[in-house]
PDB file of N, CA and C in Angstrom:
ATOM      1  N   MET A   1      -1.763  28.210   0.678  1.00  0.00           N
ATOM      2  CA  MET A   1      -1.605  26.588   1.172  1.00  0.00           C
ATOM      3  C   MET A   1      -1.954  25.815   0.439  1.00  0.00           C
ATOM      4  N   ALA A   2      -1.106  24.534   0.252  1.00  0.00           N
ATOM      5  CA  ALA A   2      -1.121  23.340  -0.833  1.00  0.00           C
ATOM      6  C   ALA A   2      -1.241  22.039   0.309  1.00  0.00           C
ATOM      7  N   VAL A   3      -1.918  21.491  -0.149  1.00  0.00           N
ATOM      8  CA  VAL A   3      -2.415  19.758   0.783  1.00  0.00           C
ATOM      9  C   VAL A   3      -1.645  18.671  -0.051  1.00  0.00           C
ATOM     10  N   VAL A   4      -0.945  17.746  -0.222  1.00  0.00           N
ATOM     11  CA  VAL A   4      -0.700  16.901  -0.898  1.00  0.00           C
ATOM     12  C   VAL A   4      -1.024  15.542  -0.434  1.00  0.00           C
ATOM     13  N   LEU A   5      -2.161  15.066  -1.041  1.00  0.00           N
ATOM     14  CA  LEU A   5      -2.700  13.727  -0.194  1.00  0.00           C
ATOM     15  C   LEU A   5      -2.416  12.658  -1.205  1.00  0.00           C
ATOM     16  N   SER A   6      -1.466  11.516  -0.507  1.00  0.00           N
ATOM     17  CA  SER A   6      -1.424  10.056  -1.208  1.00  0.00           C
ATOM     18  C   SER A   6      -1.649   8.971  -0.228  1.00  0.00           C
ATOM     19  N   ASP A   7      -2.381   9.360   0.700  1.00  0.00           N
ATOM     20  CA  ASP A   7      -2.846   8.212   1.306  1.00  0.00           C
ATOM     21  C   ASP A   7      -4.769   7.908   0.851  1.00  0.00           C
ATOM     22  N   GLY A   8      -4.989   6.660   0.890  1.00  0.00           N
ATOM     23  CA  GLY A   8      -6.329   6.396   0.512  1.00  0.00           C
ATOM     24  C   GLY A   8      -7.113   6.165   1.560  1.00  0.00           C
ATOM     25  N   ALA A   9      -6.253   6.044   3.156  1.00  0.00           N
ATOM     26  CA  ALA A   9      -7.325   5.576   4.075  1.00  0.00           C
ATOM     27  C   ALA A   9      -8.052   6.454   4.394  1.00  0.00           C
ATOM     28  N   ALA A  10      -8.991   6.392   5.100  1.00  0.00           N
ATOM     29  CA  ALA A  10      -9.896   7.903   5.598  1.00  0.00           C
ATOM     30  C   ALA A  10      -9.668   7.118   7.121  1.00  0.00           C
ATOM     31  N   GLY A  11      -8.520   7.753   7.191  1.00  0.00           N
ATOM     32  CA  GLY A  11      -8.154   7.511   8.771  1.00  0.00           C
ATOM     33  C   GLY A  11      -7.675   9.141   9.563  1.00  0.00           C
ATOM     34  N   GLU A  12      -7.139   9.085  10.506  1.00  0.00           N
ATOM     35  CA  GLU A  12      -6.710  10.184  11.436  1.00  0.00           C
ATOM     36  C   GLU A  12      -6.110  11.722  10.714  1.00  0.00           C
ATOM     37  N   THR A  13      -5.038  10.859   9.918  1.00  0.00           N
ATOM     38  CA  THR A  13      -4.359  11.887   9.146  1.00  0.00           C
ATOM     39  C   THR A  13      -5.210  12.576   8.005  1.00  0.00           C
ATOM     40  N   THR A  14      -6.037  11.895   7.250  1.00  0.00           N
ATOM     41  CA  THR A  14      -6.591  12.299   6.397  1.00  0.00           C
ATOM     42  C   THR A  14      -7.824  13.417   6.901  1.00  0.00           C
ATOM     43  N   ALA A  15      -8.634  13.000   7.742  1.00  0.00           N
ATOM     44  CA  ALA A  15      -9.320  13.540   8.818  1.00  0.00           C
ATOM     45  C   ALA A  15      -8.510  15.032   8.883  1.00  0.00           C
ATOM     46  N   THR A  16      -7.350  15.297  10.005  1.00  0.00           N
ATOM     47  CA  THR A  16      -6.894  15.912  10.360  1.00  0.00           C
ATOM     48  C   THR A  16      -6.475  17.251   8.917  1.00  0.00           C
ATOM     49  N   ALA A  17      -5.975  16.574   8.021  1.00  0.00           N
ATOM     50  CA  ALA A  17      -5.715  17.449   6.703  1.00  0.00           C
ATOM     51  C   ALA A  17      -6.927  18.229   6.233  1.00  0.00           C
ATOM     52  N   LEU A  18      -8.252  17.285   6.164  1.00  0.00           N
ATOM     53  CA  LEU A  18      -9.099  18.021   5.840  1.00  0.00           C
ATOM     54  C   LEU A  18      -9.880  18.960   6.334  1.00  0.00           C
ATOM     55  N   ARG A  19      -9.529  18.910   7.682  1.00  0.00           N
ATOM     56  CA  ARG A  19     -10.230  19.725   8.656  1.00  0.00           C
ATOM     57  C   ARG A  19      -9.160  20.561   8.864  1.00  0.00           C
ATOM     58  N   LEU A  20      -8.139  20.881   8.886  1.00  0.00           N
ATOM     59  CA  LEU A  20      -7.310  21.646   8.236  1.00  0.00           C
ATOM     60  C   LEU A  20      -7.623  22.671   7.510  1.00  0.00           C
ATOM     61  N   ALA A  21      -7.531  22.263   6.334  1.00  0.00           N
ATOM     62  CA  ALA A  21      -7.792  22.765   4.981  1.00  0.00           C
ATOM     63  C   ALA A  21      -9.343  23.730   5.428  1.00  0.00           C
ATOM     64  N   ASP A  22     -10.006  22.536   5.831  1.00  0.00           N
ATOM     65  CA  ASP A  22     -11.617  23.865   6.173  1.00  0.00           C
ATOM     66  C   ASP A  22     -11.311  24.905   6.702  1.00  0.00           C
ATOM     67  N   ARG A  23     -10.388  25.058   7.801  1.00  0.00           N
ATOM     68  CA  ARG A  23     -10.328  26.293   8.471  1.00  0.00           C
ATOM     69  C   ARG A  23      -9.483  26.922   8.084  1.00  0.00           C
ATOM     70  N   VAL A  24      -8.282  26.682   7.509  1.00  0.00           N
ATOM     71  CA  VAL A  24      -7.305  27.786   6.440  1.00  0.00           C
ATOM     72  C   VAL A  24      -8.480  28.152   5.585  1.00  0.00           C
ATOM     73  N   ALA A  25      -9.757  27.717   4.550  1.00  0.00           N
ATOM     74  CA  ALA A  25     -10.610  27.909   3.808  1.00  0.00           C
ATOM     75  C   ALA A  25     -11.331  29.196   4.468  1.00  0.00           C
ATOM     76  N   ALA A  26     -11.691  28.842   5.595  1.00  0.00           N
ATOM     77  CA  ALA A  26     -13.066  29.415   6.307  1.00  0.00           C
ATOM     78  C   ALA A  26     -12.268  30.952   6.224  1.00  0.00           C
ATOM     79  N   ARG A  27     -10.600  31.085   6.740  1.00  0.00           N
ATOM     80  CA  ARG A  27     -10.124  32.366   7.175  1.00  0.00           C
ATOM     81  C   ARG A  27      -9.694  33.228   5.965  1.00  0.00           C
ATOM     82  N   GLY A  28     -10.452  32.599   4.812  1.00  0.00           N
ATOM     83  CA  GLY A  28      -9.948  33.412   3.509  1.00  0.00           C
ATOM     84  C   GLY A  28      -8.967  32.948   2.739  1.00  0.00           C
ATOM     85  N   HIS A  29      -8.058  32.242   3.352  1.00  0.00           N
ATOM     86  CA  HIS A  29      -6.561  31.755   2.478  1.00  0.00           C
ATOM     87  C   HIS A  29      -7.031  30.868   1.526  1.00  0.00           C
ATOM     88  N   ARG A  30      -6.254  30.801   0.312  1.00  0.00           N
ATOM     89  CA  ARG A  30      -6.801  30.031  -0.638  1.00  0.00           C
ATOM     90  C   ARG A  30      -6.087  28.625  -0.499  1.00  0.00           C
ATOM     91  N   VAL A  31      -6.568  27.456  -0.695  1.00  0.00           N
ATOM     92  CA  VAL A  31      -5.974  26.375  -0.302  1.00  0.00           C
ATOM     93  C   VAL A  31      -6.495  25.420  -1.765  1.00  0.00           C
ATOM     94  N   THR A  32      -5.301  24.677  -2.371  1.00  0.00           N
ATOM     95  CA  THR A  32      -5.240  23.536  -3.118  1.00  0.00           C
ATOM     96  C   THR A  32      -5.206  22.302  -2.718  1.00  0.00           C
ATOM     97  N   VAL A  33      -5.888  21.392  -2.900  1.00  0.00           N
ATOM     98  CA  VAL A  33      -5.585  20.112  -2.691  1.00  0.00           C
ATOM     99  C   VAL A  33      -5.284  19.428  -3.729  1.00  0.00           C
ATOM    100  N   TYR A  34      -4.286  18.136  -3.991  1.00  0.00           N
ATOM    101  CA  TYR A  34      -4.288  17.482  -5.156  1.00  0.00           C
ATOM    102  C   TYR A  34      -4.022  15.897  -4.376  1.00  0.00           C
ATOM    103  N   ALA A  35      -4.966  15.084  -4.833  1.00  0.00           N
ATOM    104  CA  ALA A  35      -4.747  13.996  -4.446  1.00  0.00           C
ATOM    105  C   ALA A  35      -4.386  12.984  -5.308  1.00  0.00           C
ATOM    106  N   ARG A  36      -3.410  11.999  -4.737  1.00  0.00           N
ATOM    107  CA  ARG A  36      -2.683  11.435  -5.992  1.00  0.00           C
ATOM    108  C   ARG A  36      -2.705   9.838  -5.114  1.00  0.00           C
ATOM    109  N   GLU A  37      -2.267   8.878  -6.269  1.00  0.00           N
ATOM    110  CA  GLU A  37      -2.306   7.831  -5.603  1.00  0.00           C
ATOM    111  C   GLU A  37      -3.399   7.215  -5.333  1.00  0.00           C
ATOM    112  N   ALA A  38      -3.625   6.757  -4.189  1.00  0.00           N
ATOM    113  CA  ALA A  38      -4.488   6.154  -3.798  1.00  0.00           C
ATOM    114  C   ALA A  38      -5.560   7.240  -3.375  1.00  0.00           C
ATOM    115  N   ALA A  39      -4.972   8.555  -2.735  1.00  0.00           N
ATOM    116  CA  ALA A  39      -6.173   9.730  -2.423  1.00  0.00           C
ATOM    117  C   ALA A  39      -6.865   9.875  -3.340  1.00  0.00           C
ATOM    118  N   ALA A  40      -6.253   9.608  -4.834  1.00  0.00           N
ATOM    119  CA  ALA A  40      -7.544   9.679  -5.836  1.00  0.00           C
ATOM    120  C   ALA A  40      -8.810   9.117  -5.971  1.00  0.00           C
ATOM    121  N   GLY A  41      -8.765   8.211  -4.905  1.00  0.00           N
ATOM    122  CA  GLY A  41     -10.169   7.586  -4.432  1.00  0.00           C
ATOM    123  C   GLY A  41     -10.519   8.068  -3.151  1.00  0.00           C
ATOM    124  N   LEU A  42     -10.573   9.144  -2.472  1.00  0.00           N
ATOM    125  CA  LEU A  42     -11.284   9.294  -1.220  1.00  0.00           C
ATOM    126  C   LEU A  42     -12.283  10.232  -1.931  1.00  0.00           C
ATOM    127  N   ALA A  43     -12.467  11.299  -2.531  1.00  0.00           N
ATOM    128  CA  ALA A  43     -13.338  11.745  -3.558  1.00  0.00           C
ATOM    129  C   ALA A  43     -14.311  10.946  -4.248  1.00  0.00           C
ATOM    130  N   ALA A  44     -14.039   9.868  -4.149  1.00  0.00           N
ATOM    131  CA  ALA A  44     -14.876   9.056  -4.787  1.00  0.00           C
ATOM    132  C   ALA A  44     -16.041   9.002  -4.560  1.00  0.00           C
ATOM    133  N   GLY A  45     -17.618   8.317  -4.738  1.00  0.00           N
ATOM    134  CA  GLY A  45     -18.309   7.746  -4.689  1.00  0.00           C
ATOM    135  C   GLY A  45     -19.270   8.732  -3.644  1.00  0.00           C
ATOM    136  N   ASP A  46     -19.774   7.740  -2.349  1.00  0.00           N
ATOM    137  CA  ASP A  46     -20.822   8.741  -1.621  1.00  0.00           C
ATOM    138  C   ASP A  46     -20.630   8.483   0.179  1.00  0.00           C
ATOM    139  N   SER A  47     -19.154   8.217  -0.155  1.00  0.00           N
ATOM    140  CA  SER A  47     -18.580   8.074   1.310  1.00  0.00           C
ATOM    141  C   SER A  47     -18.469   9.214   2.668  1.00  0.00           C
ATOM    142  N   GLU A  48     -18.124   8.992   3.511  1.00  0.00           N
ATOM    143  CA  GLU A  48     -18.210  10.302   4.691  1.00  0.00           C
ATOM    144  C   GLU A  48     -17.016  11.413   4.027  1.00  0.00           C
ATOM    145  N   VAL A  49     -15.950  10.673   3.691  1.00  0.00           N
ATOM    146  CA  VAL A  49     -15.202  11.525   2.961  1.00  0.00           C
ATOM    147  C   VAL A  49     -15.242  12.473   1.754  1.00  0.00           C
ATOM    148  N   ALA A  50     -15.509  11.733   0.788  1.00  0.00           N
ATOM    149  CA  ALA A  50     -16.484  12.121  -0.080  1.00  0.00           C
ATOM    150  C   ALA A  50     -17.700  13.586   0.089  1.00  0.00           C
ATOM    151  N   THR A  51     -18.456  12.937   1.363  1.00  0.00           N
ATOM    152  CA  THR A  51     -18.980  13.869   1.501  1.00  0.00           C
ATOM    153  C   THR A  51     -18.338  15.345   2.111  1.00  0.00           C
ATOM    154  N   ALA A  52     -17.682  14.811   2.719  1.00  0.00           N
ATOM    155  CA  ALA A  52     -16.661  15.862   3.137  1.00  0.00           C
ATOM    156  C   ALA A  52     -15.765  16.896   2.155  1.00  0.00           C
ATOM    157  N   VAL A  53     -15.523  16.272   1.242  1.00  0.00           N
ATOM    158  CA  VAL A  53     -14.638  17.095   0.210  1.00  0.00           C
ATOM    159  C   VAL A  53     -15.830  17.334  -0.575  1.00  0.00           C
ATOM    160  N   ALA A  54     -16.922  17.431  -0.771  1.00  0.00           N
ATOM    161  CA  ALA A  54     -17.805  17.770  -1.518  1.00  0.00           C
ATOM    162  C   ALA A  54     -18.258  19.031  -0.626  1.00  0.00           C
ATOM    163  N   ALA A  55     -18.071  19.176   0.348  1.00  0.00           N
ATOM    164  CA  ALA A  55     -18.487  20.399   1.290  1.00  0.00           C
ATOM    165  C   ALA A  55     -17.239  21.931   1.004  1.00  0.00           C
ATOM    166  N   LEU A  56     -16.696  20.834   0.969  1.00  0.00           N
ATOM    167  CA  LEU A  56     -14.842  21.957   1.210  1.00  0.00           C
ATOM    168  C   LEU A  56     -15.111  22.187  -0.314  1.00  0.00           C
ATOM    169  N   VAL A  57     -15.702  21.917  -1.286  1.00  0.00           N
ATOM    170  CA  VAL A  57     -15.202  22.259  -2.919  1.00  0.00           C
ATOM    171  C   VAL A  57     -16.366  23.246  -2.865  1.00  0.00           C
ATOM    172  N   ARG A  58     -17.581  23.237  -2.043  1.00  0.00           N
ATOM    173  CA  ARG A  58     -18.522  24.166  -2.171  1.00  0.00           C
ATOM    174  C   ARG A  58     -18.340  25.703  -1.418  1.00  0.00           C
ATOM    175  N   ARG A  59     -17.211  25.369  -0.570  1.00  0.00           N
ATOM    176  CA  ARG A  59     -16.751  26.234   0.432  1.00  0.00           C
ATOM    177  C   ARG A  59     -15.629  27.214  -0.334  1.00  0.00           C
ATOM    178  N   GLY A  60     -15.306  26.662  -1.635  1.00  0.00           N
ATOM    179  CA  GLY A  60     -14.226  27.119  -2.219  1.00  0.00           C
ATOM    180  C   GLY A  60     -15.223  27.930  -3.362  1.00  0.00           C
ATOM    181  N   VAL A  61     -16.145  27.151  -3.611  1.00  0.00           N
ATOM    182  CA  VAL A  61     -17.139  28.018  -4.697  1.00  0.00           C
ATOM    183  C   VAL A  61     -17.573  29.210  -4.289  1.00  0.00           C
ATOM    184  N   HIS A  62     -17.923  29.077  -2.920  1.00  0.00           N
ATOM    185  CA  HIS A  62     -18.677  30.078  -2.111  1.00  0.00           C
ATOM    186  C   HIS A  62     -17.744  31.803  -2.275  1.00  0.00           C
ATOM    187  N   GLY A  63     -16.585  30.947  -1.279  1.00  0.00           N
ATOM    188  CA  GLY A  63     -15.701  31.868  -1.164  1.00  0.00           C
ATOM    189  C   GLY A  63     -14.460  32.438  -1.938  1.00  0.00           C
ATOM    190  N   GLY A  64     -14.101  31.235  -2.948  1.00  0.00           N
ATOM    191  CA  GLY A  64     -13.284  31.147  -4.231  1.00  0.00           C
ATOM    192  C   GLY A  64     -11.962  30.842  -4.029  1.00  0.00           C
ATOM    193  N   THR A  65     -12.183  30.330  -2.528  1.00  0.00           N
ATOM    194  CA  THR A  65     -10.885  29.822  -1.789  1.00  0.00           C
ATOM    195  C   THR A  65      -9.975  28.306  -1.819  1.00  0.00           C
ATOM    196  N   LEU A  66     -10.809  27.579  -2.267  1.00  0.00           N
ATOM    197  CA  LEU A  66     -10.212  26.022  -2.177  1.00  0.00           C
ATOM    198  C   LEU A  66     -10.431  25.428  -4.021  1.00  0.00           C
ATOM    199  N   ASP A  67      -9.687  24.211  -4.219  1.00  0.00           N
ATOM    200  CA  ASP A  67      -9.439  23.631  -5.424  1.00  0.00           C
ATOM    201  C   ASP A  67      -8.910  22.703  -4.673  1.00  0.00           C
ATOM    202  N   TRP A  68      -9.842  21.162  -5.420  1.00  0.00           N
ATOM    203  CA  TRP A  68      -9.592  20.158  -5.115  1.00  0.00           C
ATOM    204  C   TRP A  68      -9.584  19.259  -6.675  1.00  0.00           C
ATOM    205  N   VAL A  69      -7.790  18.872  -6.851  1.00  0.00           N
ATOM    206  CA  VAL A  69      -7.284  18.301  -8.095  1.00  0.00           C
ATOM    207  C   VAL A  69      -7.171  16.792  -7.589  1.00  0.00           C
ATOM    208  N   THR A  70      -7.662  15.543  -8.343  1.00  0.00           N
ATOM    209  CA  THR A  70      -7.443  14.752  -8.298  1.00  0.00           C
ATOM    210  C   THR A  70      -6.636  13.828  -9.487  1.00  0.00           C
ATOM    211  N   ASP A  71      -5.441  13.538  -9.294  1.00  0.00           N
ATOM    212  CA  ASP A  71      -4.982  12.928 -10.122  1.00  0.00           C
ATOM    213  C   ASP A  71      -5.528  11.680 -11.348  1.00  0.00           C
ATOM    214  N   ALA A  72      -5.219  11.903 -12.593  1.00  0.00           N
ATOM    215  CA  ALA A  72      -6.811  12.053 -13.560  1.00  0.00           C
ATOM    216  C   ALA A  72      -5.850  10.484 -13.943  1.00  0.00           C
ATOM    217  N   ALA A  73      -4.550  10.510 -13.724  1.00  0.00           N
ATOM    218  CA  ALA A  73      -4.132   8.823 -13.668  1.00  0.00           C
ATOM    219  C   ALA A  73      -4.325   7.846 -12.891  1.00  0.00           C
ATOM    220  N   ALA A  74      -4.767   8.470 -12.120  1.00  0.00           N
ATOM    221  CA  ALA A  74      -4.398   7.207 -10.617  1.00  0.00           C
ATOM    222  C   ALA A  74      -6.082   7.384 -10.502  1.00  0.00           C
ATOM    223  N   ALA A  75      -6.801   8.105 -10.347  1.00  0.00           N
ATOM    224  CA  ALA A  75      -8.187   7.741 -10.521  1.00  0.00           C
ATOM    225  C   ALA A  75      -8.520   6.457 -11.566  1.00  0.00           C
ATOM    226  N   GLU A  76      -7.908   6.937 -12.817  1.00  0.00           N
ATOM    227  CA  GLU A  76      -8.466   5.923 -14.182  1.00  0.00           C
ATOM    228  C   GLU A  76      -7.930   4.753 -13.001  1.00  0.00           C
ATOM    229  N   ARG A  77      -6.913   4.120 -12.450  1.00  0.00           N
ATOM    230  CA  ARG A  77      -6.185   2.962 -12.211  1.00  0.00           C
ATOM    231  C   ARG A  77      -7.210   2.607 -11.083  1.00  0.00           C
ATOM    232  N   LEU A  78      -7.606   3.902 -10.298  1.00  0.00           N
ATOM    233  CA  LEU A  78      -8.582   3.097  -9.143  1.00  0.00           C
ATOM    234  C   LEU A  78     -10.126   2.761 -10.125  1.00  0.00           C
ATOM    235  N   GLY A  79     -10.395   2.968 -11.017  1.00  0.00           N
ATOM    236  CA  GLY A  79     -11.875   2.870 -11.464  1.00  0.00           C
ATOM    237  C   GLY A  79     -13.011   4.056 -11.241  1.00  0.00           C
ATOM    238  N   VAL A  80     -12.298   5.255 -10.251  1.00  0.00           N
ATOM    239  CA  VAL A  80     -12.877   6.112  -9.568  1.00  0.00           C
ATOM    240  C   VAL A  80     -13.278   7.430 -10.638  1.00  0.00           C
ATOM    241  N   ALA A  81     -12.384   7.466 -11.926  1.00  0.00           N
ATOM    242  CA  ALA A  81     -12.547   8.847 -12.331  1.00  0.00           C
ATOM    243  C   ALA A  81     -13.976   9.331 -13.009  1.00  0.00           C
ATOM    244  N   GLY A  82     -14.854   8.690 -13.155  1.00  0.00           N
ATOM    245  CA  GLY A  82     -16.416   8.910 -13.227  1.00  0.00           C
ATOM    246  C   GLY A  82     -17.090   9.302 -12.203  1.00  0.00           C
ATOM    247  N   ARG A  83     -16.376   8.848 -10.864  1.00  0.00           N
ATOM    248  CA  ARG A  83     -17.036   8.931  -9.621  1.00  0.00           C
ATOM    249  C   ARG A  83     -17.264  10.422  -8.701  1.00  0.00           C
ATOM    250  N   GLN A  84     -16.647  11.083  -9.139  1.00  0.00           N
ATOM    251  CA  GLN A  84     -15.618  12.102  -7.919  1.00  0.00           C
ATOM    252  C   GLN A  84     -16.622  12.843  -7.907  1.00  0.00           C
ATOM    253  N   ALA A  85     -17.045  13.847  -6.508  1.00  0.00           N
ATOM    254  CA  ALA A  85     -17.814  14.748  -6.002  1.00  0.00           C
ATOM    255  C   ALA A  85     -17.241  15.715  -7.010  1.00  0.00           C
ATOM    256  N   PRO A  86     -18.837  16.327  -6.817  1.00  0.00           N
ATOM    257  CA  PRO A  86     -19.389  17.747  -7.491  1.00  0.00           C
ATOM    258  C   PRO A  86     -17.860  18.460  -7.318  1.00  0.00           C
ATOM    259  N   GLY A  87     -17.406  18.911  -8.677  1.00  0.00           N
ATOM    260  CA  GLY A  87     -16.615  20.355  -8.376  1.00  0.00           C
ATOM    261  C   GLY A  87     -15.110  19.413  -8.698  1.00  0.00           C
ATOM    262  N   VAL A  88     -15.119  18.525  -7.959  1.00  0.00           N
ATOM    263  CA  VAL A  88     -13.112  17.800  -8.399  1.00  0.00           C
ATOM    264  C   VAL A  88     -12.952  18.366  -9.266  1.00  0.00           C
ATOM    265  N   VAL A  89     -11.698  17.982  -9.413  1.00  0.00           N
ATOM    266  CA  VAL A  89     -11.113  18.512 -11.336  1.00  0.00           C
ATOM    267  C   VAL A  89      -9.842  17.708 -11.433  1.00  0.00           C
ATOM    268  N   PRO A  90     -10.193  16.820 -12.450  1.00  0.00           N
ATOM    269  CA  PRO A  90      -9.103  16.015 -13.369  1.00  0.00           C
ATOM    270  C   PRO A  90      -7.599  16.240 -13.396  1.00  0.00           C
ATOM    271  N   GLY A  91      -6.703  16.081 -13.150  1.00  0.00           N
ATOM    272  CA  GLY A  91      -5.282  16.570 -13.055  1.00  0.00           C
ATOM    273  C   GLY A  91      -4.176  16.165 -13.559  1.00  0.00           C
ATOM    274  N   ASP A  92      -3.077  16.649 -13.460  1.00  0.00           N
ATOM    275  CA  ASP A  92      -1.923  15.565 -13.546  1.00  0.00           C
ATOM    276  C   ASP A  92      -0.643  16.610 -13.002  1.00  0.00           C
ATOM    277  N   CYS A  93       0.531  15.696 -12.996  1.00  0.00           N
ATOM    278  CA  CYS A  93       1.979  16.448 -12.564  1.00  0.00           C
ATOM    279  C   CYS A  93       2.019  18.050 -12.699  1.00  0.00           C
ATOM    280  N   ALA A  94       1.567  18.515 -14.001  1.00  0.00           N
ATOM    281  CA  ALA A  94       1.764  19.833 -13.937  1.00  0.00           C
ATOM    282  C   ALA A  94       1.046  20.951 -12.805  1.00  0.00           C
ATOM    283  N   ASP A  95      -0.350  20.559 -12.771  1.00  0.00           N
ATOM    284  CA  ASP A  95      -1.438  20.797 -11.757  1.00  0.00           C
ATOM    285  C   ASP A  95      -0.556  20.848 -10.382  1.00  0.00           C
ATOM    286  N   LEU A  96       0.111  19.825  -9.901  1.00  0.00           N
ATOM    287  CA  LEU A  96       0.614  19.236  -8.435  1.00  0.00           C
ATOM    288  C   LEU A  96       2.031  20.009  -8.750  1.00  0.00           C
ATOM    289  N   TRP A  97       2.487  20.747  -9.685  1.00  0.00           N
ATOM    290  CA  TRP A  97       3.664  21.029  -9.419  1.00  0.00           C
ATOM    291  C   TRP A  97       3.392  23.073  -9.610  1.00  0.00           C
ATOM    292  N   ALA A  98       2.193  23.473  -9.858  1.00  0.00           N
ATOM    293  CA  ALA A  98       2.212  24.305  -9.951  1.00  0.00           C
ATOM    294  C   ALA A  98       1.115  24.669  -8.610  1.00  0.00           C
ATOM    295  N   PHE A  99       1.022  23.743  -8.159  1.00  0.00           N
ATOM    296  CA  PHE A  99       0.098  24.271  -6.564  1.00  0.00           C
ATOM    297  C   PHE A  99       1.614  24.465  -5.892  1.00  0.00           C
ATOM    298  N   LEU A 100       2.430  23.287  -5.966  1.00  0.00           N
ATOM    299  CA  LEU A 100       3.850  23.314  -4.858  1.00  0.00           C
ATOM    300  C   LEU A 100       4.642  24.525  -5.402  1.00  0.00           C
ATOM    301  N   ARG A 101       4.623  25.242  -6.558  1.00  0.00           N
ATOM    302  CA  ARG A 101       5.631  26.230  -6.861  1.00  0.00           C
ATOM    303  C   ARG A 101       4.556  27.656  -6.087  1.00  0.00           C
ATOM    304  N   ASN A 102       3.241  27.445  -6.380  1.00  0.00           N
ATOM    305  CA  ASN A 102       2.502  28.864  -5.655  1.00  0.00           C
ATOM    306  C   ASN A 102       2.614  28.814  -4.431  1.00  0.00           C
ATOM    307  N   ALA A 103       2.754  27.693  -3.088  1.00  0.00           N
ATOM    308  CA  ALA A 103       2.166  27.769  -2.273  1.00  0.00           C
ATOM    309  C   ALA A 103       2.831  28.434  -1.325  1.00  0.00           C
ATOM    310  N   ASP A 104       2.415  29.285  -0.224  1.00  0.00           N
ATOM    311  CA  ASP A 104       3.244  29.772   0.725  1.00  0.00           C
ATOM    312  C   ASP A 104       3.664  28.280   1.653  1.00  0.00           C
ATOM    313  N   VAL A 105       3.199  27.663   2.035  1.00  0.00           N
ATOM    314  CA  VAL A 105       3.181  26.436   3.044  1.00  0.00           C
ATOM    315  C   VAL A 105       2.608  25.030   2.111  1.00  0.00           C
ATOM    316  N   VAL A 106       3.137  23.933   2.153  1.00  0.00           N
ATOM    317  CA  VAL A 106       3.163  23.081   1.649  1.00  0.00           C
ATOM    318  C   VAL A 106       3.045  21.899   2.869  1.00  0.00           C
ATOM    319  N   LEU A 107       1.659  20.769   2.706  1.00  0.00           N
ATOM    320  CA  LEU A 107       1.700  19.761   3.914  1.00  0.00           C
ATOM    321  C   LEU A 107       1.409  18.404   2.794  1.00  0.00           C
ATOM    322  N   ALA A 108       2.414  17.585   3.416  1.00  0.00           N
ATOM    323  CA  ALA A 108       1.793  15.846   2.820  1.00  0.00           C
ATOM    324  C   ALA A 108       2.006  14.773   3.280  1.00  0.00           C
ATOM    325  N   PRO A 109       0.815  14.959   4.605  1.00  0.00           N
ATOM    326  CA  PRO A 109       0.545  14.132   5.216  1.00  0.00           C
ATOM    327  C   PRO A 109       0.428  12.484   5.012  1.00  0.00           C
ATOM    328  N   GLY A 110       1.150  11.898   5.346  1.00  0.00           N
ATOM    329  CA  GLY A 110       1.125  10.566   4.823  1.00  0.00           C
ATOM    330  C   GLY A 110       2.018   9.692   4.158  1.00  0.00           C
ATOM    331  N   GLY A 111       2.799  10.692   3.752  1.00  0.00           N
ATOM    332  CA  GLY A 111       4.339  10.566   2.979  1.00  0.00           C
ATOM    333  C   GLY A 111       4.867  11.911   2.080  1.00  0.00           C
ATOM    334  N   PRO A 112       5.509  11.286   1.692  1.00  0.00           N
ATOM    335  CA  PRO A 112       6.525  12.467   0.235  1.00  0.00           C
ATOM    336  C   PRO A 112       5.677  12.490  -0.635  1.00  0.00           C
ATOM    337  N   CYS A 113       5.705  13.928  -1.552  1.00  0.00           N
ATOM    338  CA  CYS A 113       4.942  13.959  -2.407  1.00  0.00           C
ATOM    339  C   CYS A 113       5.966  13.422  -3.951  1.00  0.00           C
TER     340      CYS A 113
END
């Protein structure tokens, strides 16, 4: 499963996407999350969302089932490139394309990718 986030708001849509990613990863499925545009700031700092992202990445470390990639250019534009949660990987459109191509299911809450 691939989840493409573009909305940087820590609202219900983002929370639901994170809960779904957590549940799917807990069941042993591979989950890839790509945060682009304003969503590149979700994993930055010490907010509740960044803490949740760090927990998701840790789940992936233990089970090898979750990767979180933040668009490096978007993170740079937002000024959060060096403040991502541990385990979050900077990426680019090639990573996004690979995630989309390899996923059985793609979710893009908050708008098209």
